[in-house]
Amino acid sequence: MRDKIFRISFDIEKKAYKGWVNPEIKTVNGIPSPQSFYVVLNHQSVGHFHFNDCRWLSPDNIPQVLREAIGKQIENHYRL
């Protein structure tokens, strides 16, 4: 399971964020597919992120700018 975890880092408004993402992988028709992503930033849990209808969903207390930055990091990780 630890081999699925990947690190992320970015800056927003001069504040550095570093952490990791643990994808929850489910198999759909024999093909592995990430369904949700557990995110930790700066040693604190941010919660689970999901991609639905072309947008990132996360706990309500996450500012939109942070939600978008985390989503972009996840998208960049999976780009081929």
Protein backbone atom coordinates (compact mmCIF):
# COMPACT_ATOMS: atom_id res chain seq x y z
CA MET A 1 0.00 0.00 0.00
CA ARG A 2 2.83 2.43 0.77
CA ASP A 3 4.04 2.17 -2.83
CA LYS A 4 0.90 4.04 -3.98
CA ILE A 5 1.58 7.04 -1.74
CA PHE A 6 3.16 10.04 -3.45
CA ARG A 7 4.51 13.35 -2.19
CA ILE A 8 3.19 16.79 -3.12
CA SER A 9 4.46 20.31 -2.51
CA PHE A 10 3.40 23.76 -3.66
CA ASP A 11 3.17 27.39 -2.51
CA ILE A 12 0.04 29.50 -2.12
CA GLU A 13 0.25 33.17 -1.18
CA LYS A 14 3.87 32.79 0.01
CA LYS A 15 3.01 29.80 2.23
CA ALA A 16 4.71 26.48 1.53
CA TYR A 17 2.69 23.27 1.64
CA LYS A 18 4.32 19.84 1.74
CA GLY A 19 2.69 16.51 2.27
CA TRP A 20 1.51 13.30 0.70
CA VAL A 21 -1.42 11.69 -1.04
CA ASN A 22 -2.63 8.13 -0.53
CA PRO A 23 -4.92 7.02 -3.38
CA GLU A 24 -7.68 4.54 -2.66
CA ILE A 25 -7.47 2.15 -5.60
CA LYS A 26 -10.48 0.08 -6.65
CA THR A 27 -10.63 -2.36 -9.53
CA VAL A 28 -13.33 -1.68 -12.09
CA ASN A 29 -13.72 -4.39 -14.74
CA GLY A 30 -10.20 -5.59 -13.95
CA ILE A 31 -8.65 -2.13 -14.37
CA PRO A 32 -7.20 -0.36 -11.28
CA SER A 33 -8.74 3.07 -10.83
CA PRO A 34 -8.15 5.68 -8.11
CA GLN A 35 -11.48 6.57 -6.50
CA SER A 36 -10.50 8.94 -3.72
CA PHE A 37 -7.34 10.46 -2.34
CA TYR A 38 -6.47 10.92 1.33
CA VAL A 39 -4.34 14.08 1.68
CA VAL A 40 -2.01 15.24 4.46
CA LEU A 41 -0.37 18.69 4.28
CA ASN A 42 2.13 20.18 6.71
CA HIS A 43 1.63 17.20 9.05
CA GLN A 44 -2.15 17.72 9.26
CA SER A 45 -4.92 15.69 7.66
CA VAL A 46 -6.78 17.61 4.99
CA GLY A 47 -9.24 14.81 4.28
CA HIS A 48 -10.45 12.82 1.29
CA PHE A 49 -10.57 14.32 -2.20
CA HIS A 50 -12.73 13.04 -5.06
CA PHE A 51 -12.94 14.06 -8.71
CA ASN A 52 -16.52 14.31 -9.97
CA ASP A 53 -18.11 16.15 -12.91
CA CYS A 54 -14.78 17.78 -13.86
CA ARG A 55 -14.17 19.29 -10.40
CA TRP A 56 -12.47 18.36 -7.16
CA LEU A 57 -14.63 17.71 -4.11
CA SER A 58 -13.25 17.80 -0.59
CA PRO A 59 -14.30 18.68 2.96
CA ASP A 60 -16.22 21.98 3.06
CA ASN A 61 -13.69 23.74 5.29
CA ILE A 62 -10.99 23.64 2.58
CA PRO A 63 -10.56 26.99 0.77
CA GLN A 64 -11.16 26.77 -2.99
CA VAL A 65 -7.62 27.90 -3.84
CA LEU A 66 -6.17 25.09 -1.71
CA ARG A 67 -8.63 22.54 -3.14
CA GLU A 68 -7.58 23.48 -6.68
CA ALA A 69 -3.85 23.34 -5.86
CA ILE A 70 -4.19 19.87 -4.33
CA GLY A 71 -6.28 18.69 -7.27
CA LYS A 72 -3.66 19.97 -9.72
CA GLN A 73 -0.92 18.07 -7.85
CA ILE A 74 -2.94 14.86 -8.07
CA GLU A 75 -3.67 15.41 -11.78
CA ASN A 76 0.01 16.09 -12.50
CA HIS A 77 1.02 12.88 -10.73
CA TYR A 78 -1.18 10.76 -13.03
CA ARG A 79 -0.32 12.47 -16.33
CA LEU A 80 1.64 10.23 -18.68
